[in-house]
Amino acid sequence: MMKTKEVKNKNQNMEDMFPFHKENYKYLFIGLALLALGFILMIGGGSDDPNVFSNSIFDTQRLTIAPLLLIAGFAVEMWAVLKRPSEKK
């Protein structure tokens, strides 16, 4: 009986050492994925010839979708940092 109580206390102390809980880390990684996808969607649209202008920099992907993904990614990151874990007992 005493040994199981010590193990539970030890596991609880290990969980308290981390700055965030499991759910917070899940949201952090989701936010990072959204940010990475947003930056990847912004890549490109340039021209190989500096004398030729490329209109592909003004397409929907680079002007609306990518910035919205970046804003969503930063919002999820803030949510992940500020969210308190629910007390399950």
N, C-alpha and C. Protein backbone atom coordinates (compact mmCIF):
# COMPACT_ATOMS: atom_id res chain seq x y z
N MET A 1 0.83 -1.19 0.00
CA MET A 1 0.00 0.00 0.00
C MET A 1 0.87 1.25 0.00
N MET A 2 1.87 1.25 0.82
CA MET A 2 2.74 2.42 0.94
C MET A 2 3.55 2.63 -0.33
N LYS A 3 3.96 1.54 -0.96
CA LYS A 3 4.80 1.64 -2.15
C LYS A 3 4.02 2.26 -3.32
N THR A 4 2.75 1.90 -3.48
CA THR A 4 1.97 2.48 -4.57
C THR A 4 1.73 3.97 -4.33
N LYS A 5 1.59 4.36 -3.09
CA LYS A 5 1.41 5.78 -2.78
C LYS A 5 2.67 6.56 -3.12
N GLU A 6 3.83 5.97 -2.83
CA GLU A 6 5.10 6.63 -3.16
C GLU A 6 5.26 6.77 -4.67
N VAL A 7 4.87 5.75 -5.43
CA VAL A 7 4.98 5.80 -6.88
C VAL A 7 4.05 6.87 -7.44
N LYS A 8 2.83 6.96 -6.91
CA LYS A 8 1.90 8.00 -7.36
C LYS A 8 2.45 9.39 -7.06
N ASN A 9 3.01 9.56 -5.87
CA ASN A 9 3.58 10.86 -5.52
C ASN A 9 4.77 11.19 -6.41
N LYS A 10 5.57 10.20 -6.73
CA LYS A 10 6.73 10.42 -7.59
C LYS A 10 6.29 10.81 -9.00
N ASN A 11 5.27 10.12 -9.54
CA ASN A 11 4.74 10.47 -10.86
C ASN A 11 4.13 11.86 -10.86
N GLN A 12 3.45 12.22 -9.79
CA GLN A 12 2.85 13.55 -9.70
C GLN A 12 3.94 14.61 -9.67
N ASN A 13 5.03 14.35 -8.96
CA ASN A 13 6.14 15.30 -8.92
C ASN A 13 6.80 15.44 -10.28
N MET A 14 6.90 14.35 -11.04
CA MET A 14 7.49 14.42 -12.38
C MET A 14 6.62 15.26 -13.31
N GLU A 15 5.29 15.12 -13.19
CA GLU A 15 4.39 15.91 -14.03
C GLU A 15 4.46 17.39 -13.66
N ASP A 16 4.69 17.69 -12.41
CA ASP A 16 4.78 19.08 -11.98
C ASP A 16 6.05 19.75 -12.45
N MET A 17 7.05 18.98 -12.85
CA MET A 17 8.32 19.55 -13.30
C MET A 17 8.20 20.16 -14.69
N PHE A 18 7.28 19.70 -15.52
CA PHE A 18 7.13 20.22 -16.87
C PHE A 18 6.32 21.52 -16.83
N PRO A 19 6.66 22.47 -17.68
CA PRO A 19 5.93 23.74 -17.66
C PRO A 19 4.50 23.62 -18.18
N PHE A 20 4.24 22.67 -19.07
CA PHE A 20 2.91 22.48 -19.64
C PHE A 20 2.50 21.03 -19.47
N HIS A 21 1.21 20.81 -19.67
CA HIS A 21 0.70 19.45 -19.61
C HIS A 21 0.59 18.88 -21.03
N LYS A 22 0.20 17.61 -21.10
CA LYS A 22 0.16 16.90 -22.38
C LYS A 22 -0.74 17.61 -23.39
N GLU A 23 -1.89 18.08 -22.94
CA GLU A 23 -2.83 18.76 -23.84
C GLU A 23 -2.23 20.06 -24.39
N ASN A 24 -1.48 20.78 -23.55
CA ASN A 24 -0.84 22.01 -24.01
C ASN A 24 0.19 21.72 -25.10
N TYR A 25 0.95 20.67 -24.93
CA TYR A 25 1.95 20.31 -25.94
C TYR A 25 1.28 19.91 -27.26
N LYS A 26 0.15 19.25 -27.16
CA LYS A 26 -0.59 18.88 -28.37
C LYS A 26 -0.98 20.13 -29.15
N TYR A 27 -1.51 21.13 -28.45
CA TYR A 27 -1.88 22.38 -29.11
C TYR A 27 -0.66 23.14 -29.62
N LEU A 28 0.46 23.06 -28.91
CA LEU A 28 1.68 23.71 -29.38
C LEU A 28 2.13 23.14 -30.72
N PHE A 29 2.09 21.82 -30.84
CA PHE A 29 2.52 21.19 -32.09
C PHE A 29 1.53 21.46 -33.22
N ILE A 30 0.25 21.53 -32.91
CA ILE A 30 -0.74 21.89 -33.94
C ILE A 30 -0.49 23.31 -34.43
N GLY A 31 -0.22 24.22 -33.50
CA GLY A 31 0.08 25.60 -33.89
C GLY A 31 1.34 25.70 -34.72
N LEU A 32 2.37 24.94 -34.35
CA LEU A 32 3.60 24.94 -35.14
C LEU A 32 3.36 24.40 -36.54
N ALA A 33 2.52 23.39 -36.66
CA ALA A 33 2.21 22.85 -37.99
C ALA A 33 1.47 23.88 -38.84
N LEU A 34 0.53 24.61 -38.23
CA LEU A 34 -0.17 25.66 -38.96
C LEU A 34 0.78 26.77 -39.41
N LEU A 35 1.70 27.15 -38.52
CA LEU A 35 2.68 28.17 -38.88
C LEU A 35 3.58 27.70 -40.02
N ALA A 36 4.06 26.47 -39.92
CA ALA A 36 4.93 25.94 -40.98
C ALA A 36 4.18 25.88 -42.31
N LEU A 37 2.94 25.44 -42.28
CA LEU A 37 2.16 25.37 -43.52
C LEU A 37 1.92 26.76 -44.10
N GLY A 38 1.66 27.73 -43.24
CA GLY A 38 1.46 29.10 -43.71
C GLY A 38 2.70 29.66 -44.38
N PHE A 39 3.87 29.43 -43.77
CA PHE A 39 5.11 29.93 -44.38
C PHE A 39 5.44 29.17 -45.66
N ILE A 40 5.15 27.89 -45.70
CA ILE A 40 5.41 27.11 -46.93
C ILE A 40 4.53 27.61 -48.07
N LEU A 41 3.28 27.95 -47.76
CA LEU A 41 2.38 28.44 -48.81
C LEU A 41 2.80 29.82 -49.33
N MET A 42 3.56 30.56 -48.54
CA MET A 42 4.03 31.88 -49.00
C MET A 42 5.24 31.78 -49.92
N ILE A 43 5.90 30.66 -49.94
CA ILE A 43 7.11 30.50 -50.74
C ILE A 43 6.77 30.55 -52.23
N GLY A 44 7.66 31.14 -52.98
CA GLY A 44 7.53 31.12 -54.44
C GLY A 44 6.87 32.36 -55.00
N GLY A 45 6.54 32.28 -56.26
CA GLY A 45 5.89 33.39 -56.93
C GLY A 45 6.84 34.36 -57.57
N GLY A 46 8.12 34.13 -57.41
CA GLY A 46 9.10 35.02 -58.00
C GLY A 46 9.39 34.66 -59.45
N SER A 47 10.20 35.47 -60.06
CA SER A 47 10.57 35.24 -61.46
C SER A 47 12.07 34.99 -61.54
N ASP A 48 12.47 34.10 -62.44
CA ASP A 48 13.89 33.83 -62.63
C ASP A 48 14.58 34.99 -63.33
N ASP A 49 13.87 35.68 -64.18
CA ASP A 49 14.41 36.81 -64.92
C ASP A 49 14.04 38.10 -64.19
N PRO A 50 15.02 38.89 -63.74
CA PRO A 50 14.69 40.11 -63.00
C PRO A 50 14.01 41.18 -63.85
N ASN A 51 14.05 41.05 -65.16
CA ASN A 51 13.41 42.03 -66.04
C ASN A 51 11.95 41.72 -66.31
N VAL A 52 11.48 40.56 -65.86
CA VAL A 52 10.10 40.14 -66.11
C VAL A 52 9.36 40.08 -64.78
N PHE A 53 8.21 40.76 -64.71
CA PHE A 53 7.39 40.76 -63.50
C PHE A 53 6.46 39.55 -63.51
N SER A 54 6.38 38.88 -62.39
CA SER A 54 5.52 37.71 -62.27
C SER A 54 4.29 38.06 -61.44
N ASN A 55 3.11 37.89 -62.02
CA ASN A 55 1.87 38.17 -61.30
C ASN A 55 1.49 37.06 -60.32
N SER A 56 2.25 36.00 -60.28
CA SER A 56 1.89 34.89 -59.39
C SER A 56 2.09 35.24 -57.92
N ILE A 57 2.75 36.36 -57.62
CA ILE A 57 2.87 36.75 -56.22
C ILE A 57 1.56 37.28 -55.67
N PHE A 58 0.62 37.59 -56.54
CA PHE A 58 -0.66 38.13 -56.11
C PHE A 58 -1.79 37.10 -56.16
N ASP A 59 -1.47 35.81 -56.14
CA ASP A 59 -2.54 34.82 -56.19
C ASP A 59 -3.18 34.64 -54.80
N THR A 60 -4.28 33.95 -54.76
CA THR A 60 -5.07 33.78 -53.54
C THR A 60 -4.29 33.05 -52.46
N GLN A 61 -3.49 32.10 -52.86
CA GLN A 61 -2.72 31.31 -51.90
C GLN A 61 -1.81 32.19 -51.06
N ARG A 62 -1.10 33.11 -51.70
CA ARG A 62 -0.13 33.94 -51.00
C ARG A 62 -0.74 35.15 -50.32
N LEU A 63 -1.87 35.65 -50.83
CA LEU A 63 -2.46 36.86 -50.26
C LEU A 63 -3.50 36.59 -49.18
N THR A 64 -4.17 35.45 -49.21
CA THR A 64 -5.23 35.22 -48.22
C THR A 64 -5.03 33.94 -47.41
N ILE A 65 -4.78 32.84 -48.07
CA ILE A 65 -4.73 31.56 -47.35
C ILE A 65 -3.53 31.50 -46.40
N ALA A 66 -2.35 31.83 -46.89
CA ALA A 66 -1.15 31.75 -46.06
C ALA A 66 -1.21 32.70 -44.87
N PRO A 67 -1.58 33.97 -45.03
CA PRO A 67 -1.68 34.84 -43.85
C PRO A 67 -2.74 34.38 -42.85
N LEU A 68 -3.86 33.85 -43.34
CA LEU A 68 -4.87 33.35 -42.42
C LEU A 68 -4.36 32.15 -41.63
N LEU A 69 -3.60 31.28 -42.28
CA LEU A 69 -3.00 30.15 -41.57
C LEU A 69 -1.99 30.62 -40.53
N LEU A 70 -1.24 31.66 -40.85
CA LEU A 70 -0.27 32.20 -39.89
C LEU A 70 -0.99 32.80 -38.68
N ILE A 71 -2.04 33.55 -38.92
CA ILE A 71 -2.79 34.13 -37.80
C ILE A 71 -3.41 33.02 -36.95
N ALA A 72 -3.96 32.01 -37.60
CA ALA A 72 -4.53 30.88 -36.86
C ALA A 72 -3.45 30.15 -36.07
N GLY A 73 -2.27 29.98 -36.66
CA GLY A 73 -1.18 29.32 -35.96
C GLY A 73 -0.74 30.08 -34.73
N PHE A 74 -0.61 31.40 -34.84
CA PHE A 74 -0.23 32.21 -33.68
C PHE A 74 -1.33 32.20 -32.62
N ALA A 75 -2.58 32.19 -33.04
CA ALA A 75 -3.69 32.12 -32.08
C ALA A 75 -3.68 30.79 -31.33
N VAL A 76 -3.43 29.70 -32.04
CA VAL A 76 -3.36 28.39 -31.38
C VAL A 76 -2.17 28.34 -30.43
N GLU A 77 -1.05 28.93 -30.81
CA GLU A 77 0.12 28.97 -29.93
C GLU A 77 -0.20 29.73 -28.64
N MET A 78 -0.86 30.87 -28.76
CA MET A 78 -1.23 31.64 -27.56
C MET A 78 -2.21 30.84 -26.70
N TRP A 79 -3.16 30.17 -27.35
CA TRP A 79 -4.12 29.34 -26.61
C TRP A 79 -3.38 28.22 -25.87
N ALA A 80 -2.41 27.62 -26.51
CA ALA A 80 -1.68 26.51 -25.89
C ALA A 80 -0.89 26.98 -24.67
N VAL A 81 -0.35 28.17 -24.74
CA VAL A 81 0.44 28.68 -23.62
C VAL A 81 -0.47 29.11 -22.47
N LEU A 82 -1.60 29.72 -22.77
CA LEU A 82 -2.46 30.27 -21.73
C LEU A 82 -3.46 29.27 -21.15
N LYS A 83 -3.70 28.16 -21.83
CA LYS A 83 -4.72 27.20 -21.39
C LYS A 83 -4.27 26.47 -20.13
N ARG A 84 -5.17 26.44 -19.17
CA ARG A 84 -4.91 25.67 -17.96
C ARG A 84 -5.52 24.29 -18.12
N PRO A 85 -4.85 23.27 -17.65
CA PRO A 85 -5.40 21.92 -17.80
C PRO A 85 -6.63 21.74 -16.91
N SER A 86 -7.57 20.97 -17.39
CA SER A 86 -8.78 20.70 -16.61
C SER A 86 -8.44 19.72 -15.49
N GLU A 87 -9.07 19.93 -14.37
CA GLU A 87 -8.85 19.06 -13.21
C GLU A 87 -9.72 17.83 -13.35
N LYS A 88 -9.12 16.68 -13.58
CA LYS A 88 -9.85 15.42 -13.70
C LYS A 88 -9.64 14.62 -12.42
N LYS A 89 -10.71 14.43 -11.68
CA LYS A 89 -10.60 13.66 -10.44
C LYS A 89 -11.76 12.72 -10.32
